[in-house]
């Protein structure tokens, strides 16, 4: 029982960390490409900015989903019910 809880805590931490790392890399690349596009064609900045913020919101949803699954593992662990 204790090993399931311990491995669930490790899995939750790994999920949150990898989701944050992936979102940080994605948002960093998104911002750099936006700045490149804005430097090349300044007249397209309003259109690019709207699309950047849309993709930023979608990219930011990934760690939120990871945190939800980690919270499920920590507080409502479905694997503990299978042991009893």
C-alpha atoms as a PDB file:
ATOM      1  CA  UNK A   1       0.000   0.000   0.000  1.00  0.00           C
ATOM      2  CA  UNK A   2       2.775   2.426   0.918  1.00  0.00           C
ATOM      3  CA  UNK A   3       4.701   1.672  -2.252  1.00  0.00           C
ATOM      4  CA  UNK A   4       1.653   2.519  -4.400  1.00  0.00           C
ATOM      5  CA  UNK A   5       1.303   5.861  -2.615  1.00  0.00           C
ATOM      6  CA  UNK A   6       5.043   6.542  -2.967  1.00  0.00           C
ATOM      7  CA  UNK A   7       5.107   5.693  -6.662  1.00  0.00           C
ATOM      8  CA  UNK A   8       1.979   7.772  -7.195  1.00  0.00           C
ATOM      9  CA  UNK A   9       3.701  10.764  -5.590  1.00  0.00           C
ATOM     10  CA  UNK A  10       6.738  10.264  -7.838  1.00  0.00           C
ATOM     11  CA  UNK A  11       4.481   9.957 -10.893  1.00  0.00           C
ATOM     12  CA  UNK A  12       2.561  13.109  -9.940  1.00  0.00           C
ATOM     13  CA  UNK A  13       5.763  15.086  -9.529  1.00  0.00           C
ATOM     14  CA  UNK A  14       7.102  13.767 -12.827  1.00  0.00           C
ATOM     15  CA  UNK A  15       3.847  14.669 -14.612  1.00  0.00           C
ATOM     16  CA  UNK A  16       3.825  18.223 -13.303  1.00  0.00           C
ATOM     17  CA  UNK A  17       7.512  18.729 -14.041  1.00  0.00           C
ATOM     18  CA  UNK A  18       7.370  17.392 -17.593  1.00  0.00           C
ATOM     19  CA  UNK A  19       4.209  19.369 -18.352  1.00  0.00           C
ATOM     20  CA  UNK A  20       5.841  22.565 -17.086  1.00  0.00           C
ATOM     21  CA  UNK A  21       9.017  21.876 -19.054  1.00  0.00           C
ATOM     22  CA  UNK A  22       7.091  21.193 -22.255  1.00  0.00           C
ATOM     23  CA  UNK A  23       4.959  24.311 -21.855  1.00  0.00           C
ATOM     24  CA  UNK A  24       8.026  26.448 -21.112  1.00  0.00           C
ATOM     25  CA  UNK A  25       9.786  25.217 -24.243  1.00  0.00           C
ATOM     26  CA  UNK A  26       6.662  25.639 -26.371  1.00  0.00           C
ATOM     27  CA  UNK A  27       5.935  29.150 -25.121  1.00  0.00           C
ATOM     28  CA  UNK A  28       9.580  30.144 -25.560  1.00  0.00           C
ATOM     29  CA  UNK A  29       9.634  28.945 -29.158  1.00  0.00           C
ATOM     30  CA  UNK A  30       6.271  30.597 -29.799  1.00  0.00           C
ATOM     31  CA  UNK A  31       7.522  33.930 -28.476  1.00  0.00           C
ATOM     32  CA  UNK A  32      10.742  33.775 -30.465  1.00  0.00           C
ATOM     33  CA  UNK A  33       8.897  33.008 -33.709  1.00  0.00           C
ATOM     34  CA  UNK A  34       6.466  35.840 -33.008  1.00  0.00           C
ATOM     35  CA  UNK A  35       9.340  38.277 -32.570  1.00  0.00           C
ATOM     36  CA  UNK A  36      10.974  37.021 -35.760  1.00  0.00           C
ATOM     37  CA  UNK A  37       7.742  37.489 -37.691  1.00  0.00           C
ATOM     38  CA  UNK A  38       7.181  40.937 -36.186  1.00  0.00           C
ATOM     39  CA  UNK A  39      10.711  42.004 -37.098  1.00  0.00           C
ATOM     40  CA  UNK A  40      10.326  40.807 -40.686  1.00  0.00           C
ATOM     41  CA  UNK A  41       6.885  42.309 -41.332  1.00  0.00           C
ATOM     42  CA  UNK A  42       5.859  44.922 -38.748  1.00  0.00           C
ATOM     43  CA  UNK A  43       2.548  45.587 -40.503  1.00  0.00           C
ATOM     44  CA  UNK A  44       1.346  42.071 -39.613  1.00  0.00           C
ATOM     45  CA  UNK A  45       1.945  42.450 -35.868  1.00  0.00           C
ATOM     46  CA  UNK A  46      -1.770  42.743 -34.877  1.00  0.00           C
ATOM     47  CA  UNK A  47      -2.712  39.565 -36.747  1.00  0.00           C
ATOM     48  CA  UNK A  48       0.340  37.679 -35.459  1.00  0.00           C
ATOM     49  CA  UNK A  49      -0.300  38.866 -31.919  1.00  0.00           C
ATOM     50  CA  UNK A  50      -3.862  37.529 -31.902  1.00  0.00           C
ATOM     51  CA  UNK A  51      -2.693  34.153 -33.188  1.00  0.00           C
ATOM     52  CA  UNK A  52       0.198  34.092 -30.720  1.00  0.00           C
ATOM     53  CA  UNK A  53      -2.128  34.665 -27.757  1.00  0.00           C
ATOM     54  CA  UNK A  54      -4.509  31.975 -29.027  1.00  0.00           C
ATOM     55  CA  UNK A  55      -1.699  29.434 -29.266  1.00  0.00           C
ATOM     56  CA  UNK A  56      -0.308  30.621 -25.922  1.00  0.00           C
ATOM     57  CA  UNK A  57      -3.619  29.779 -24.265  1.00  0.00           C
ATOM     58  CA  UNK A  58      -3.745  26.359 -25.899  1.00  0.00           C
ATOM     59  CA  UNK A  59      -0.137  25.635 -24.937  1.00  0.00           C
ATOM     60  CA  UNK A  60      -0.811  26.750 -21.372  1.00  0.00           C
ATOM     61  CA  UNK A  61      -3.664  24.238 -21.089  1.00  0.00           C
ATOM     62  CA  UNK A  62      -1.230  21.295 -21.195  1.00  0.00           C
ATOM     63  CA  UNK A  63       0.309  21.845 -17.724  1.00  0.00           C
ATOM     64  CA  UNK A  64      -3.124  22.531 -16.273  1.00  0.00           C
ATOM     65  CA  UNK A  65      -4.306  19.124 -17.522  1.00  0.00           C
ATOM     66  CA  UNK A  66      -1.106  17.581 -16.107  1.00  0.00           C
ATOM     67  CA  UNK A  67      -1.786  19.158 -12.729  1.00  0.00           C
ATOM     68  CA  UNK A  68      -5.354  17.804 -12.809  1.00  0.00           C
ATOM     69  CA  UNK A  69      -4.106  14.262 -13.443  1.00  0.00           C
ATOM     70  CA  UNK A  70      -1.460  14.661 -10.731  1.00  0.00           C
ATOM     71  CA  UNK A  71      -4.130  15.811  -8.274  1.00  0.00           C
ATOM     72  CA  UNK A  72      -6.211  12.777  -9.222  1.00  0.00           C
ATOM     73  CA  UNK A  73      -3.270  10.512  -8.418  1.00  0.00           C
ATOM     74  CA  UNK A  74      -2.559  12.232  -5.125  1.00  0.00           C
ATOM     75  CA  UNK A  75      -6.071  12.679  -3.728  1.00  0.00           C
ATOM     76  CA  UNK A  76      -8.291  10.133  -5.463  1.00  0.00           C
ATOM     77  CA  UNK A  77      -5.870   7.393  -6.358  1.00  0.00           C
ATOM     78  CA  UNK A  78      -7.667   4.747  -8.443  1.00  0.00           C
ATOM     79  CA  UNK A  79      -4.872   2.220  -7.850  1.00  0.00           C
ATOM     80  CA  UNK A  80      -5.516   1.971  -4.112  1.00  0.00           C
ATOM     81  CA  UNK A  81      -8.970   0.476  -4.689  1.00  0.00           C
ATOM     82  CA  UNK A  82      -7.477  -2.422  -6.637  1.00  0.00           C
ATOM     83  CA  UNK A  83      -5.293  -3.513  -3.709  1.00  0.00           C
ATOM     84  CA  UNK A  84      -8.153  -4.259  -1.344  1.00  0.00           C
END
